[in-house]
Amino acid sequence: MGRRWVTTTGDGRPDGFGRTRAALYKHVANKEELLDGMVDVVVGEIDPPVHGADWKGAVRQRILSARRVLLRHLWMPRAIEARSNPTPAVLEYMDSMIGMFRAGGFSVDLTHHVMHAMGSRMLGFTQELFDDSQASDLDVQADVLRELAGRYPHIAEMATAAAHDEESIVGRGCDDQFEFEFALDLLLDGFERLRQQGWTSTGRSRRDGGTTPGGG
């Protein structure tokens, strides 16, 4: 339903339920309020926290649930990024995630940095530096790889060795789900190490980079 509204109501055509843009706007003030409501509906599809599980397993399960939801609504990442302020459902989700870390023994200070490190991954998506998914012609890819090999040998080596996934939204050559879970597990393992060490940001300089987290 959400995707149909995004693609059809902007020009006033019926959305499949017989409603036009004018009819929808009787219930919301404008397009932005409509999108806010759609974001909240989709975020509401994410599974609730699992009670009784260890913090890492519970957080991982919920984030992967968020990812499954967003893969059903591919317009969502852009809609979330376009919001000037978090919607009520997003705020509720973030509050719940913070609570999961706090219940797992994380200090307020460490939880603050954890939330920054997680970024959009907490809602099931990541922001890639470049989108190379458009180069679908095999001959073009071969030409590009030959040029890369001459000028950027390490990039070419990695590109040819990567697992191939035709449907990846990260780009051809990348297993989208594997890359997402790899980074997620890397972060969660690091968070656990800092939690066990009683890590704190106190005394660490914001300007010169401070000391390495977990280091001396």
N, C-alpha and C. Protein backbone atom coordinates (compact mmCIF):
# COMPACT_ATOMS: atom_id res chain seq x y z
N MET A 1 0.83 -1.20 0.00
CA MET A 1 0.00 0.00 0.00
C MET A 1 0.86 1.25 0.00
N GLY A 2 1.90 1.29 0.86
CA GLY A 2 2.75 2.46 0.96
C GLY A 2 3.40 2.82 -0.36
N ARG A 3 3.98 1.79 -1.05
CA ARG A 3 4.68 2.09 -2.28
C ARG A 3 3.72 2.63 -3.33
N ARG A 4 2.50 2.15 -3.39
CA ARG A 4 1.53 2.62 -4.37
C ARG A 4 1.21 4.09 -4.13
N TRP A 5 1.08 4.47 -2.87
CA TRP A 5 0.79 5.88 -2.57
C TRP A 5 1.95 6.77 -3.02
N VAL A 6 3.16 6.33 -2.76
CA VAL A 6 4.32 7.16 -3.10
C VAL A 6 4.38 7.40 -4.60
N THR A 7 4.03 6.41 -5.40
CA THR A 7 4.22 6.51 -6.84
C THR A 7 3.02 7.08 -7.58
N THR A 8 1.84 7.15 -6.94
CA THR A 8 0.67 7.56 -7.71
C THR A 8 -0.06 8.78 -7.16
N THR A 9 -0.03 9.01 -5.87
CA THR A 9 -0.87 10.08 -5.34
C THR A 9 -0.30 11.46 -5.62
N GLY A 10 1.00 11.54 -5.95
CA GLY A 10 1.60 12.85 -6.16
C GLY A 10 1.01 13.60 -7.33
N ASP A 11 0.44 12.90 -8.32
CA ASP A 11 -0.12 13.61 -9.47
C ASP A 11 -1.64 13.56 -9.49
N GLY A 12 -2.26 13.11 -8.41
CA GLY A 12 -3.70 13.16 -8.31
C GLY A 12 -4.43 11.96 -8.85
N ARG A 13 -3.72 10.98 -9.42
CA ARG A 13 -4.40 9.80 -9.94
C ARG A 13 -4.85 8.89 -8.81
N PRO A 14 -5.90 8.09 -9.01
CA PRO A 14 -6.35 7.16 -7.98
C PRO A 14 -5.25 6.21 -7.57
N ASP A 15 -5.24 5.79 -6.30
CA ASP A 15 -4.16 4.96 -5.77
C ASP A 15 -4.50 3.49 -5.70
N GLY A 16 -5.60 3.06 -6.27
CA GLY A 16 -5.97 1.66 -6.20
C GLY A 16 -7.08 1.43 -5.21
N PHE A 17 -7.30 2.38 -4.32
CA PHE A 17 -8.39 2.32 -3.36
C PHE A 17 -9.46 3.34 -3.74
N GLY A 18 -9.29 3.97 -4.91
CA GLY A 18 -10.27 4.94 -5.36
C GLY A 18 -10.06 6.31 -4.75
N ARG A 19 -8.94 6.50 -4.06
CA ARG A 19 -8.69 7.80 -3.43
C ARG A 19 -7.75 8.61 -4.31
N THR A 20 -8.00 9.89 -4.42
CA THR A 20 -7.10 10.78 -5.12
C THR A 20 -6.28 11.53 -4.09
N ARG A 21 -5.30 12.32 -4.59
CA ARG A 21 -4.48 13.13 -3.69
C ARG A 21 -5.36 14.05 -2.86
N ALA A 22 -6.35 14.67 -3.49
CA ALA A 22 -7.22 15.59 -2.75
C ALA A 22 -7.96 14.88 -1.62
N ALA A 23 -8.42 13.66 -1.90
CA ALA A 23 -9.14 12.91 -0.87
C ALA A 23 -8.23 12.57 0.29
N LEU A 24 -6.98 12.20 -0.02
CA LEU A 24 -6.03 11.85 1.05
C LEU A 24 -5.72 13.07 1.91
N TYR A 25 -5.60 14.23 1.25
CA TYR A 25 -5.21 15.42 1.98
C TYR A 25 -6.34 15.98 2.85
N LYS A 26 -7.52 15.36 2.78
CA LYS A 26 -8.55 15.71 3.76
C LYS A 26 -8.19 15.17 5.13
N HIS A 27 -7.32 14.17 5.16
CA HIS A 27 -6.93 13.53 6.41
C HIS A 27 -5.54 13.94 6.88
N VAL A 28 -4.71 14.47 5.99
CA VAL A 28 -3.37 14.94 6.37
C VAL A 28 -3.17 16.33 5.78
N ALA A 29 -2.27 17.09 6.37
CA ALA A 29 -2.09 18.48 5.96
C ALA A 29 -1.37 18.60 4.63
N ASN A 30 -0.40 17.71 4.35
CA ASN A 30 0.40 17.83 3.14
C ASN A 30 1.13 16.51 2.87
N LYS A 31 1.94 16.51 1.84
CA LYS A 31 2.67 15.31 1.45
C LYS A 31 3.61 14.84 2.55
N GLU A 32 4.27 15.80 3.21
CA GLU A 32 5.23 15.42 4.25
C GLU A 32 4.53 14.71 5.41
N GLU A 33 3.35 15.18 5.80
CA GLU A 33 2.61 14.53 6.87
C GLU A 33 2.15 13.14 6.43
N LEU A 34 1.80 13.01 5.15
CA LEU A 34 1.42 11.71 4.62
C LEU A 34 2.59 10.74 4.70
N LEU A 35 3.77 11.19 4.28
CA LEU A 35 4.96 10.33 4.34
C LEU A 35 5.33 9.98 5.77
N ASP A 36 5.17 10.95 6.69
CA ASP A 36 5.42 10.65 8.11
C ASP A 36 4.55 9.49 8.57
N GLY A 37 3.28 9.55 8.19
CA GLY A 37 2.36 8.48 8.59
C GLY A 37 2.72 7.15 7.97
N MET A 38 3.15 7.17 6.71
CA MET A 38 3.55 5.94 6.04
C MET A 38 4.79 5.33 6.68
N VAL A 39 5.76 6.19 7.03
CA VAL A 39 6.96 5.71 7.72
C VAL A 39 6.57 5.03 9.04
N ASP A 40 5.68 5.65 9.77
CA ASP A 40 5.27 5.09 11.06
C ASP A 40 4.57 3.74 10.89
N VAL A 41 3.75 3.62 9.85
CA VAL A 41 3.07 2.34 9.61
C VAL A 41 4.09 1.24 9.34
N VAL A 42 5.09 1.54 8.51
CA VAL A 42 6.09 0.53 8.15
C VAL A 42 6.98 0.19 9.35
N VAL A 43 7.42 1.19 10.09
CA VAL A 43 8.24 0.92 11.28
C VAL A 43 7.47 0.07 12.28
N GLY A 44 6.15 0.25 12.31
CA GLY A 44 5.32 -0.56 13.20
C GLY A 44 5.29 -2.03 12.84
N GLU A 45 5.77 -2.39 11.63
CA GLU A 45 5.82 -3.78 11.22
C GLU A 45 7.04 -4.52 11.78
N ILE A 46 8.00 -3.78 12.32
CA ILE A 46 9.21 -4.40 12.88
C ILE A 46 8.84 -5.19 14.13
N ASP A 47 9.40 -6.38 14.27
CA ASP A 47 9.10 -7.23 15.42
C ASP A 47 9.44 -6.52 16.73
N PRO A 48 8.65 -6.73 17.76
CA PRO A 48 8.97 -6.15 19.07
C PRO A 48 10.20 -6.82 19.68
N PRO A 49 10.79 -6.23 20.71
CA PRO A 49 11.96 -6.84 21.34
C PRO A 49 11.65 -8.22 21.90
N VAL A 50 12.64 -9.10 21.84
CA VAL A 50 12.52 -10.44 22.43
C VAL A 50 12.93 -10.35 23.88
N HIS A 51 12.04 -10.68 24.78
CA HIS A 51 12.34 -10.60 26.20
C HIS A 51 13.01 -11.88 26.68
N GLY A 52 13.97 -11.73 27.57
CA GLY A 52 14.64 -12.89 28.14
C GLY A 52 15.88 -13.33 27.39
N ALA A 53 16.12 -12.77 26.20
CA ALA A 53 17.31 -13.13 25.42
C ALA A 53 18.48 -12.26 25.84
N ASP A 54 19.71 -12.70 25.52
CA ASP A 54 20.87 -11.87 25.78
C ASP A 54 20.81 -10.64 24.89
N TRP A 55 21.42 -9.55 25.32
CA TRP A 55 21.27 -8.28 24.62
C TRP A 55 21.70 -8.39 23.16
N LYS A 56 22.82 -9.10 22.90
CA LYS A 56 23.34 -9.15 21.54
C LYS A 56 22.38 -9.90 20.62
N GLY A 57 21.89 -11.03 21.07
CA GLY A 57 20.95 -11.79 20.26
C GLY A 57 19.66 -11.04 20.02
N ALA A 58 19.17 -10.36 21.07
CA ALA A 58 17.92 -9.62 20.95
C ALA A 58 18.07 -8.44 19.99
N VAL A 59 19.17 -7.70 20.10
CA VAL A 59 19.41 -6.55 19.23
C VAL A 59 19.58 -7.02 17.78
N ARG A 60 20.35 -8.07 17.60
CA ARG A 60 20.58 -8.59 16.24
C ARG A 60 19.27 -9.04 15.60
N GLN A 61 18.46 -9.74 16.37
CA GLN A 61 17.20 -10.24 15.83
C GLN A 61 16.28 -9.09 15.44
N ARG A 62 16.25 -8.05 16.24
CA ARG A 62 15.35 -6.94 15.94
C ARG A 62 15.83 -6.14 14.73
N ILE A 63 17.13 -5.94 14.62
CA ILE A 63 17.65 -5.21 13.47
C ILE A 63 17.43 -5.98 12.18
N LEU A 64 17.60 -7.29 12.23
CA LEU A 64 17.34 -8.09 11.03
C LEU A 64 15.85 -8.11 10.70
N SER A 65 15.00 -8.00 11.71
CA SER A 65 13.58 -7.85 11.45
C SER A 65 13.31 -6.53 10.73
N ALA A 66 13.97 -5.46 11.17
CA ALA A 66 13.84 -4.16 10.51
C ALA A 66 14.30 -4.26 9.06
N ARG A 67 15.36 -5.00 8.83
CA ARG A 67 15.86 -5.14 7.46
C ARG A 67 14.86 -5.88 6.58
N ARG A 68 14.26 -6.93 7.11
CA ARG A 68 13.25 -7.66 6.33
C ARG A 68 12.08 -6.75 5.96
N VAL A 69 11.68 -5.91 6.90
CA VAL A 69 10.58 -4.98 6.65
C VAL A 69 10.96 -3.99 5.55
N LEU A 70 12.16 -3.42 5.64
CA LEU A 70 12.56 -2.42 4.64
C LEU A 70 12.76 -3.03 3.26
N LEU A 71 13.13 -4.29 3.20
CA LEU A 71 13.26 -4.94 1.90
C LEU A 71 11.90 -5.17 1.25
N ARG A 72 10.84 -5.12 2.06
CA ARG A 72 9.48 -5.20 1.50
C ARG A 72 9.00 -3.83 1.05
N HIS A 73 9.64 -2.79 1.53
CA HIS A 73 9.25 -1.40 1.22
C HIS A 73 10.51 -0.64 0.80
N LEU A 74 10.95 -0.83 -0.43
CA LEU A 74 12.25 -0.31 -0.85
C LEU A 74 12.31 1.22 -0.89
N TRP A 75 11.17 1.89 -0.82
CA TRP A 75 11.16 3.35 -0.79
C TRP A 75 11.48 3.91 0.59
N MET A 76 11.47 3.05 1.60
CA MET A 76 11.57 3.52 2.98
C MET A 76 12.89 4.20 3.34
N PRO A 77 14.05 3.66 2.97
CA PRO A 77 15.29 4.35 3.37
C PRO A 77 15.32 5.80 2.94
N ARG A 78 14.92 6.07 1.69
CA ARG A 78 14.93 7.46 1.22
C ARG A 78 13.92 8.30 1.98
N ALA A 79 12.76 7.72 2.29
CA ALA A 79 11.74 8.47 3.03
C ALA A 79 12.24 8.79 4.44
N ILE A 80 12.89 7.83 5.09
CA ILE A 80 13.42 8.06 6.43
C ILE A 80 14.48 9.15 6.41
N GLU A 81 15.40 9.07 5.44
CA GLU A 81 16.47 10.05 5.34
C GLU A 81 15.94 11.45 5.06
N ALA A 82 14.78 11.53 4.38
CA ALA A 82 14.22 12.83 4.00
C ALA A 82 13.45 13.50 5.12
N ARG A 83 13.16 12.77 6.20
CA ARG A 83 12.40 13.37 7.30
C ARG A 83 13.27 14.41 8.00
N SER A 84 12.72 15.57 8.25
CA SER A 84 13.46 16.60 8.98
C SER A 84 13.56 16.28 10.47
N ASN A 85 12.61 15.52 10.97
CA ASN A 85 12.62 15.08 12.37
C ASN A 85 12.13 13.63 12.42
N PRO A 86 12.61 12.86 13.40
CA PRO A 86 12.13 11.48 13.53
C PRO A 86 10.62 11.47 13.79
N THR A 87 9.93 10.53 13.20
CA THR A 87 8.50 10.38 13.43
C THR A 87 8.27 9.71 14.78
N PRO A 88 7.06 9.75 15.31
CA PRO A 88 6.79 9.12 16.61
C PRO A 88 7.18 7.64 16.67
N ALA A 89 6.88 6.87 15.60
CA ALA A 89 7.21 5.45 15.61
C ALA A 89 8.71 5.24 15.58
N VAL A 90 9.43 6.08 14.84
CA VAL A 90 10.89 5.97 14.82
C VAL A 90 11.47 6.31 16.18
N LEU A 91 10.94 7.34 16.82
CA LEU A 91 11.40 7.70 18.17
C LEU A 91 11.13 6.56 19.16
N GLU A 92 9.98 5.95 19.04
CA GLU A 92 9.64 4.83 19.92
C GLU A 92 10.58 3.65 19.69
N TYR A 93 10.89 3.40 18.43
CA TYR A 93 11.82 2.32 18.09
C TYR A 93 13.20 2.60 18.66
N MET A 94 13.70 3.83 18.48
CA MET A 94 15.01 4.21 19.00
C MET A 94 15.04 4.12 20.51
N ASP A 95 13.98 4.57 21.17
CA ASP A 95 13.90 4.50 22.62
C ASP A 95 13.97 3.05 23.09
N SER A 96 13.27 2.17 22.36
CA SER A 96 13.28 0.76 22.69
C SER A 96 14.66 0.16 22.51
N MET A 97 15.36 0.53 21.43
CA MET A 97 16.70 0.02 21.19
C MET A 97 17.67 0.49 22.27
N ILE A 98 17.56 1.75 22.65
CA ILE A 98 18.40 2.26 23.74
C ILE A 98 18.14 1.45 25.00
N GLY A 99 16.87 1.18 25.28
CA GLY A 99 16.52 0.40 26.45
C GLY A 99 17.11 -1.00 26.42
N MET A 100 17.22 -1.60 25.24
CA MET A 100 17.80 -2.94 25.11
C MET A 100 19.29 -2.92 25.47
N PHE A 101 19.99 -1.89 25.03
CA PHE A 101 21.41 -1.78 25.39
C PHE A 101 21.58 -1.50 26.88
N ARG A 102 20.74 -0.63 27.41
CA ARG A 102 20.84 -0.31 28.84
C ARG A 102 20.54 -1.55 29.69
N ALA A 103 19.54 -2.32 29.28
CA ALA A 103 19.20 -3.54 30.02
C ALA A 103 20.32 -4.58 29.89
N GLY A 104 21.12 -4.48 28.83
CA GLY A 104 22.23 -5.40 28.63
C GLY A 104 23.48 -5.01 29.39
N GLY A 105 23.40 -3.94 30.17
CA GLY A 105 24.54 -3.55 30.99
C GLY A 105 25.39 -2.44 30.43
N PHE A 106 24.93 -1.78 29.36
CA PHE A 106 25.68 -0.68 28.78
C PHE A 106 25.44 0.60 29.58
N SER A 107 26.48 1.36 29.78
CA SER A 107 26.33 2.66 30.44
C SER A 107 25.62 3.61 29.48
N VAL A 108 25.11 4.71 30.03
CA VAL A 108 24.49 5.73 29.19
C VAL A 108 25.51 6.28 28.20
N ASP A 109 26.73 6.49 28.67
CA ASP A 109 27.79 7.03 27.82
C ASP A 109 28.08 6.10 26.65
N LEU A 110 28.30 4.82 26.92
CA LEU A 110 28.61 3.87 25.85
C LEU A 110 27.41 3.70 24.91
N THR A 111 26.22 3.68 25.47
CA THR A 111 25.02 3.54 24.63
C THR A 111 24.90 4.70 23.65
N HIS A 112 25.25 5.91 24.13
CA HIS A 112 25.22 7.08 23.25
C HIS A 112 26.11 6.87 22.03
N HIS A 113 27.33 6.37 22.24
CA HIS A 113 28.26 6.16 21.14
C HIS A 113 27.85 4.98 20.28
N VAL A 114 27.26 3.98 20.90
CA VAL A 114 26.76 2.82 20.16
C VAL A 114 25.69 3.25 19.15
N MET A 115 24.79 4.11 19.58
CA MET A 115 23.71 4.56 18.70
C MET A 115 24.27 5.33 17.50
N HIS A 116 25.31 6.14 17.74
CA HIS A 116 25.95 6.85 16.64
C HIS A 116 26.63 5.87 15.69
N ALA A 117 27.30 4.87 16.25
CA ALA A 117 28.01 3.89 15.42
C ALA A 117 27.04 3.07 14.57
N MET A 118 25.88 2.76 15.13
CA MET A 118 24.90 1.96 14.41
C MET A 118 24.30 2.75 13.25
N GLY A 119 23.98 4.00 13.48
CA GLY A 119 23.43 4.84 12.43
C GLY A 119 22.19 4.22 11.80
N SER A 120 22.09 4.31 10.48
CA SER A 120 20.91 3.81 9.78
C SER A 120 20.81 2.29 9.82
N ARG A 121 21.92 1.62 10.12
CA ARG A 121 21.88 0.15 10.19
C ARG A 121 20.88 -0.31 11.25
N MET A 122 20.67 0.51 12.27
CA MET A 122 19.71 0.16 13.32
C MET A 122 18.31 -0.02 12.74
N LEU A 123 18.02 0.68 11.64
CA LEU A 123 16.71 0.58 11.00
C LEU A 123 16.73 -0.35 9.78
N GLY A 124 17.83 -1.08 9.62
CA GLY A 124 17.86 -2.12 8.60
C GLY A 124 18.46 -1.76 7.26
N PHE A 125 19.09 -0.59 7.14
CA PHE A 125 19.72 -0.25 5.87
C PHE A 125 21.01 0.51 6.10
N THR A 126 21.84 0.51 5.07
CA THR A 126 23.11 1.22 5.14
C THR A 126 23.22 2.16 3.96
N GLN A 127 24.11 3.13 4.10
CA GLN A 127 24.33 4.10 3.03
C GLN A 127 25.68 3.79 2.40
N GLU A 128 25.65 3.34 1.14
CA GLU A 128 26.88 3.00 0.44
C GLU A 128 27.52 4.26 -0.17
N LEU A 129 28.86 4.24 -0.26
CA LEU A 129 29.55 5.39 -0.83
C LEU A 129 29.23 5.58 -2.31
N PHE A 130 29.19 4.47 -3.05
CA PHE A 130 28.95 4.55 -4.48
C PHE A 130 27.96 3.47 -4.89
N ASP A 131 27.17 3.77 -5.91
CA ASP A 131 26.23 2.79 -6.45
C ASP A 131 26.76 2.33 -7.80
N ASP A 132 27.29 1.09 -7.84
CA ASP A 132 27.83 0.56 -9.08
C ASP A 132 26.90 -0.49 -9.69
N SER A 133 25.64 -0.47 -9.26
CA SER A 133 24.70 -1.49 -9.72
C SER A 133 24.18 -1.24 -11.13
N GLN A 134 24.50 -0.08 -11.73
CA GLN A 134 23.95 0.24 -13.04
C GLN A 134 24.71 -0.43 -14.18
N ALA A 135 25.97 -0.78 -13.95
CA ALA A 135 26.78 -1.39 -15.01
C ALA A 135 26.46 -2.87 -15.11
N SER A 136 25.38 -3.19 -15.85
CA SER A 136 24.91 -4.56 -15.91
C SER A 136 25.43 -5.29 -17.13
N ASP A 137 25.93 -4.58 -18.16
CA ASP A 137 26.41 -5.22 -19.36
C ASP A 137 27.75 -5.91 -19.07
N LEU A 138 27.82 -7.20 -19.37
CA LEU A 138 29.00 -7.98 -19.03
C LEU A 138 30.23 -7.48 -19.78
N ASP A 139 30.09 -7.08 -21.05
CA ASP A 139 31.23 -6.57 -21.81
C ASP A 139 31.74 -5.27 -21.21
N VAL A 140 30.78 -4.42 -20.79
CA VAL A 140 31.19 -3.16 -20.15
C VAL A 140 31.94 -3.45 -18.85
N GLN A 141 31.43 -4.39 -18.07
CA GLN A 141 32.10 -4.75 -16.82
C GLN A 141 33.51 -5.25 -17.09
N ALA A 142 33.67 -6.09 -18.11
CA ALA A 142 34.99 -6.63 -18.43
C ALA A 142 35.95 -5.51 -18.80
N ASP A 143 35.48 -4.53 -19.59
CA ASP A 143 36.32 -3.39 -19.96
C ASP A 143 36.72 -2.58 -18.74
N VAL A 144 35.75 -2.37 -17.86
CA VAL A 144 36.02 -1.60 -16.64
C VAL A 144 37.05 -2.32 -15.79
N LEU A 145 36.90 -3.63 -15.64
CA LEU A 145 37.83 -4.39 -14.81
C LEU A 145 39.24 -4.36 -15.39
N ARG A 146 39.34 -4.43 -16.72
CA ARG A 146 40.67 -4.36 -17.33
C ARG A 146 41.34 -3.02 -17.07
N GLU A 147 40.53 -1.96 -17.15
CA GLU A 147 41.09 -0.63 -16.87
C GLU A 147 41.47 -0.50 -15.40
N LEU A 148 40.60 -1.03 -14.53
CA LEU A 148 40.90 -0.98 -13.10
C LEU A 148 42.19 -1.73 -12.78
N ALA A 149 42.36 -2.89 -13.41
CA ALA A 149 43.53 -3.72 -13.12
C ALA A 149 44.82 -2.99 -13.43
N GLY A 150 44.78 -2.15 -14.47
CA GLY A 150 45.98 -1.42 -14.83
C GLY A 150 46.27 -0.24 -13.92
N ARG A 151 45.20 0.42 -13.46
CA ARG A 151 45.38 1.65 -12.68
C ARG A 151 45.20 1.43 -11.18
N TYR A 152 44.26 0.53 -10.82
CA TYR A 152 43.96 0.31 -9.41
C TYR A 152 43.93 -1.20 -9.14
N PRO A 153 45.08 -1.83 -9.07
CA PRO A 153 45.13 -3.30 -9.01
C PRO A 153 44.44 -3.90 -7.79
N HIS A 154 44.49 -3.21 -6.66
CA HIS A 154 43.88 -3.78 -5.45
C HIS A 154 42.36 -3.74 -5.53
N ILE A 155 41.80 -2.66 -6.10
CA ILE A 155 40.35 -2.59 -6.28
C ILE A 155 39.90 -3.68 -7.25
N ALA A 156 40.64 -3.85 -8.34
CA ALA A 156 40.28 -4.88 -9.32
C ALA A 156 40.34 -6.26 -8.71
N GLU A 157 41.36 -6.51 -7.90
CA GLU A 157 41.50 -7.81 -7.25
C GLU A 157 40.30 -8.10 -6.36
N MET A 158 39.87 -7.11 -5.58
CA MET A 158 38.73 -7.31 -4.69
C MET A 158 37.44 -7.46 -5.47
N ALA A 159 37.28 -6.68 -6.54
CA ALA A 159 36.05 -6.73 -7.33
C ALA A 159 35.85 -8.09 -7.97
N THR A 160 36.92 -8.70 -8.45
CA THR A 160 36.80 -9.99 -9.12
C THR A 160 36.68 -11.14 -8.14
N ALA A 161 37.09 -10.93 -6.89
CA ALA A 161 37.04 -12.00 -5.90
C ALA A 161 35.74 -12.00 -5.11
N ALA A 162 34.97 -10.90 -5.17
CA ALA A 162 33.77 -10.78 -4.34
C ALA A 162 32.70 -11.77 -4.78
N ALA A 163 31.89 -12.23 -3.81
CA ALA A 163 30.76 -13.10 -4.11
C ALA A 163 29.78 -12.36 -5.02
N HIS A 164 29.18 -13.06 -5.96
CA HIS A 164 28.31 -12.41 -6.95
C HIS A 164 26.85 -12.51 -6.53
N ASP A 165 26.15 -11.40 -6.55
CA ASP A 165 24.74 -11.36 -6.19
C ASP A 165 24.02 -10.45 -7.17
N GLU A 166 23.27 -11.04 -8.08
CA GLU A 166 22.58 -10.26 -9.12
C GLU A 166 21.58 -9.26 -8.55
N GLU A 167 20.94 -9.60 -7.41
CA GLU A 167 19.88 -8.77 -6.87
C GLU A 167 20.36 -7.77 -5.82
N SER A 168 21.65 -7.69 -5.60
CA SER A 168 22.17 -6.84 -4.54
C SER A 168 21.83 -5.38 -4.78
N ILE A 169 21.38 -4.70 -3.73
CA ILE A 169 21.16 -3.26 -3.84
C ILE A 169 22.43 -2.51 -3.47
N VAL A 170 23.44 -3.21 -2.97
CA VAL A 170 24.73 -2.60 -2.71
C VAL A 170 25.49 -2.45 -4.03
N GLY A 171 25.34 -3.43 -4.91
CA GLY A 171 26.01 -3.39 -6.20
C GLY A 171 26.36 -4.79 -6.65
N ARG A 172 26.52 -4.96 -7.95
CA ARG A 172 26.89 -6.26 -8.47
C ARG A 172 28.21 -6.69 -7.88
N GLY A 173 28.32 -7.96 -7.52
CA GLY A 173 29.54 -8.46 -6.90
C GLY A 173 29.45 -8.48 -5.40
N CYS A 174 28.39 -7.94 -4.84
CA CYS A 174 28.25 -7.92 -3.39
C CYS A 174 27.03 -8.74 -2.97
N ASP A 175 27.21 -9.60 -1.98
CA ASP A 175 26.10 -10.32 -1.38
C ASP A 175 25.52 -9.40 -0.32
N ASP A 176 24.43 -8.74 -0.68
CA ASP A 176 23.85 -7.67 0.14
C ASP A 176 23.61 -8.09 1.58
N GLN A 177 22.91 -9.20 1.76
CA GLN A 177 22.56 -9.63 3.11
C GLN A 177 23.79 -10.01 3.91
N PHE A 178 24.72 -10.71 3.27
CA PHE A 178 25.95 -11.10 3.97
C PHE A 178 26.72 -9.88 4.42
N GLU A 179 26.86 -8.87 3.54
CA GLU A 179 27.61 -7.67 3.91
C GLU A 179 26.95 -6.95 5.08
N PHE A 180 25.61 -6.91 5.06
CA PHE A 180 24.89 -6.24 6.15
C PHE A 180 25.14 -6.97 7.47
N GLU A 181 25.00 -8.29 7.47
CA GLU A 181 25.16 -9.05 8.71
C GLU A 181 26.62 -9.08 9.17
N PHE A 182 27.56 -9.07 8.23
CA PHE A 182 28.97 -9.03 8.58
C PHE A 182 29.28 -7.77 9.38
N ALA A 183 28.84 -6.63 8.86
CA ALA A 183 29.10 -5.36 9.55
C ALA A 183 28.35 -5.29 10.88
N LEU A 184 27.12 -5.80 10.89
CA LEU A 184 26.33 -5.78 12.12
C LEU A 184 27.01 -6.59 13.21
N ASP A 185 27.45 -7.80 12.87
CA ASP A 185 28.11 -8.66 13.86
C ASP A 185 29.43 -8.06 14.32
N LEU A 186 30.13 -7.42 13.40
CA LEU A 186 31.39 -6.76 13.76
C LEU A 186 31.15 -5.67 14.80
N LEU A 187 30.11 -4.88 14.58
CA LEU A 187 29.76 -3.83 15.52
C LEU A 187 29.33 -4.40 16.87
N LEU A 188 28.45 -5.39 16.85
CA LEU A 188 27.95 -5.96 18.10
C LEU A 188 29.07 -6.58 18.92
N ASP A 189 30.00 -7.26 18.27
CA ASP A 189 31.14 -7.85 18.98
C ASP A 189 31.99 -6.75 19.61
N GLY A 190 32.20 -5.67 18.86
CA GLY A 190 32.98 -4.56 19.41
C GLY A 190 32.28 -3.89 20.58
N PHE A 191 30.96 -3.73 20.48
CA PHE A 191 30.21 -3.14 21.59
C PHE A 191 30.35 -3.99 22.85
N GLU A 192 30.27 -5.31 22.68
CA GLU A 192 30.37 -6.20 23.83
C GLU A 192 31.75 -6.10 24.48
N ARG A 193 32.78 -5.99 23.67
CA ARG A 193 34.13 -5.86 24.22
C ARG A 193 34.25 -4.58 25.04
N LEU A 194 33.72 -3.47 24.53
CA LEU A 194 33.78 -2.21 25.26
C LEU A 194 32.94 -2.27 26.53
N ARG A 195 31.79 -2.94 26.47
CA ARG A 195 30.95 -3.07 27.66
C ARG A 195 31.68 -3.84 28.76
N GLN A 196 32.35 -4.92 28.38
CA GLN A 196 33.07 -5.72 29.36
C GLN A 196 34.23 -4.96 29.98
N GLN A 197 34.82 -4.06 29.20
CA GLN A 197 35.95 -3.27 29.69
C GLN A 197 35.51 -2.05 30.49
N GLY A 198 34.21 -1.79 30.54
CA GLY A 198 33.73 -0.61 31.24
C GLY A 198 34.16 0.68 30.56
N TRP A 199 34.19 0.66 29.23
CA TRP A 199 34.68 1.79 28.45
C TRP A 199 33.86 3.05 28.73
N THR A 200 34.57 4.20 28.73
CA THR A 200 33.90 5.49 28.88
C THR A 200 34.60 6.51 28.01
N SER A 201 33.85 7.50 27.56
CA SER A 201 34.45 8.54 26.71
C SER A 201 35.08 9.64 27.54
N THR A 202 34.92 9.61 28.84
CA THR A 202 35.47 10.64 29.72
C THR A 202 36.98 10.74 29.55
N GLY A 203 37.44 11.96 29.33
CA GLY A 203 38.87 12.19 29.20
C GLY A 203 39.41 11.97 27.80
N ARG A 204 38.57 11.58 26.88
CA ARG A 204 39.02 11.36 25.50
C ARG A 204 38.75 12.63 24.69
N SER A 205 39.78 13.13 24.05
CA SER A 205 39.67 14.37 23.31
C SER A 205 38.82 14.19 22.07
N ARG A 206 37.89 15.11 21.84
CA ARG A 206 37.06 15.08 20.64
C ARG A 206 37.81 15.65 19.45
N ARG A 207 38.84 16.45 19.67
CA ARG A 207 39.49 17.16 18.58
C ARG A 207 40.68 16.38 17.99
N ASP A 208 41.46 15.75 18.87
CA ASP A 208 42.63 15.06 18.33
C ASP A 208 42.42 13.56 18.17
N GLY A 209 41.17 13.11 18.36
CA GLY A 209 40.87 11.71 18.16
C GLY A 209 41.00 10.89 19.41
N GLY A 210 41.63 11.45 20.48
CA GLY A 210 41.71 10.73 21.73
C GLY A 210 42.51 9.45 21.59
N THR A 211 42.21 8.47 22.44
CA THR A 211 42.87 7.19 22.39
C THR A 211 41.97 6.17 21.72
N THR A 212 42.55 5.10 21.31
CA THR A 212 41.79 4.05 20.63
C THR A 212 40.81 3.41 21.59
N PRO A 213 39.53 3.26 21.22
CA PRO A 213 38.55 2.60 22.09
C PRO A 213 39.04 1.21 22.48
N GLY A 214 39.04 0.97 23.78
CA GLY A 214 39.48 -0.33 24.26
C GLY A 214 40.97 -0.41 24.47
N GLY A 215 41.69 0.62 23.97
CA GLY A 215 43.13 0.62 24.12
C GLY A 215 43.55 1.33 25.39
N GLY A 216 44.86 1.53 25.54
CA GLY A 216 45.37 2.15 26.73
C GLY A 216 45.24 3.66 26.71
